[in-house]
Protein backbone atom coordinates (compact mmCIF):
# COMPACT_ATOMS: atom_id res chain seq x y z
CA MET A 1 0.06 0.07 -0.12
CA LYS A 2 1.70 3.27 -1.06
CA ILE A 3 1.00 6.47 1.11
CA ASN A 4 -0.31 9.25 -1.21
CA LEU A 5 1.43 12.38 0.10
CA GLU A 6 -0.87 14.80 -1.68
CA SER A 7 -3.68 13.07 0.05
CA ILE A 8 -2.27 13.59 3.54
CA LYS A 9 -1.51 17.26 2.70
CA LYS A 10 -5.06 17.90 1.83
CA LEU A 11 -6.27 16.12 5.32
CA VAL A 12 -3.96 18.09 7.13
CA ASP A 13 -5.02 21.07 5.49
CA ASP A 14 -8.54 20.54 5.72
CA ALA A 15 -8.04 19.85 9.52
CA LYS A 16 -6.30 23.25 10.10
CA LYS A 17 -9.14 24.91 8.36
CA GLU A 18 -11.83 23.12 10.41
CA ARG A 19 -9.65 24.18 13.32
CA GLU A 20 -9.57 27.80 12.14
CA ASN A 21 -13.19 27.95 11.52
CA LEU A 22 -14.22 26.61 14.96
CA GLY A 23 -15.02 29.92 16.64
CA ASP A 24 -17.26 30.70 13.58
CA LEU A 25 -19.29 27.44 14.39
CA ILE A 26 -19.32 27.44 18.04
CA ASN A 27 -19.65 31.21 18.79
CA PRO A 28 -23.48 31.33 17.49
CA ILE A 29 -24.29 28.49 19.46
CA LEU A 30 -22.86 29.93 22.79
CA GLN A 31 -25.03 32.90 21.85
CA ASN A 32 -28.32 31.21 21.84
CA TYR A 33 -28.04 29.15 25.12
CA ASP A 34 -28.15 30.67 28.60
CA LEU A 35 -24.65 29.35 29.75
CA GLU A 36 -22.55 30.66 32.88
CA LYS A 37 -19.65 32.73 31.99
CA LYS A 38 -17.17 30.01 33.21
CA GLU A 39 -18.69 27.49 30.70
CA ILE A 40 -18.27 29.91 27.92
CA LEU A 41 -14.87 30.74 28.78
CA GLU A 42 -13.97 27.28 28.86
CA VAL A 43 -15.25 26.59 25.36
CA LYS A 44 -13.43 29.86 24.29
CA ASN A 45 -9.96 28.64 25.58
CA ALA A 46 -10.46 25.10 24.14
CA ILE A 47 -10.81 26.78 20.69
CA ALA A 48 -7.92 28.77 21.13
CA LEU A 49 -5.87 25.77 22.29
CA TYR A 50 -7.30 23.92 19.07
CA GLN A 51 -6.19 26.86 17.00
CA GLU A 52 -2.35 26.80 18.32
CA ILE A 53 -2.21 23.23 18.74
CA ASP A 54 0.37 23.10 15.61
CA HIS A 55 2.71 25.13 17.71
CA PHE A 56 2.98 22.81 20.53
CA SER A 57 5.53 20.16 21.06
CA PRO A 58 4.50 16.79 22.86
CA ILE A 59 7.78 16.29 24.08
CA SER A 60 8.47 19.92 25.56
CA VAL A 61 7.63 20.59 29.39
CA GLN A 62 7.37 24.41 28.25
CA SER A 63 5.05 23.54 25.51
CA PHE A 64 2.90 21.60 27.80
CA LEU A 65 2.60 24.42 30.19
CA LYS A 66 1.85 26.86 27.75
CA ALA A 67 -1.11 24.55 26.37
CA HIS A 68 -2.25 24.38 29.87
CA ASP A 69 -2.09 28.27 30.29
CA THR A 70 -4.19 28.55 27.07
CA LEU A 71 -6.76 26.09 28.38
CA MET A 72 -7.02 27.20 31.76
CA LYS A 73 -6.57 30.94 31.16
CA ASN A 74 -8.95 32.98 33.69
CA LEU A 75 -10.38 29.60 35.01
CA VAL A 76 -7.72 28.91 37.75
CA LYS A 77 -5.04 31.10 39.47
CA SER A 78 -2.01 29.14 38.34
CA SER A 79 -2.49 28.37 34.61
CA GLY A 80 0.41 27.32 32.96
CA GLU A 81 2.31 26.13 36.14
CA PHE A 82 2.75 22.94 38.28
CA ARG A 83 1.01 22.64 41.44
CA SER A 84 3.14 23.11 44.45
CA LYS A 85 1.59 20.50 46.25
């Protein structure tokens, strides 16, 4: 079985476009429901993380902490940091 590089590139590009448009899909839904501010922030943070996912390294501690900071921003006091206990 041969791997078609052009097909792989198209799949990756399509996935990137979907991530970029995720906010456009989710924001109208958020506006139509009576959600707590915290719930809306959780969704918006997740969208921000998905849009930046290509910039993270799975083997970097700094990258892990940056991803945590993006996901938990304004939800916990110490986003992007390890717990002390």
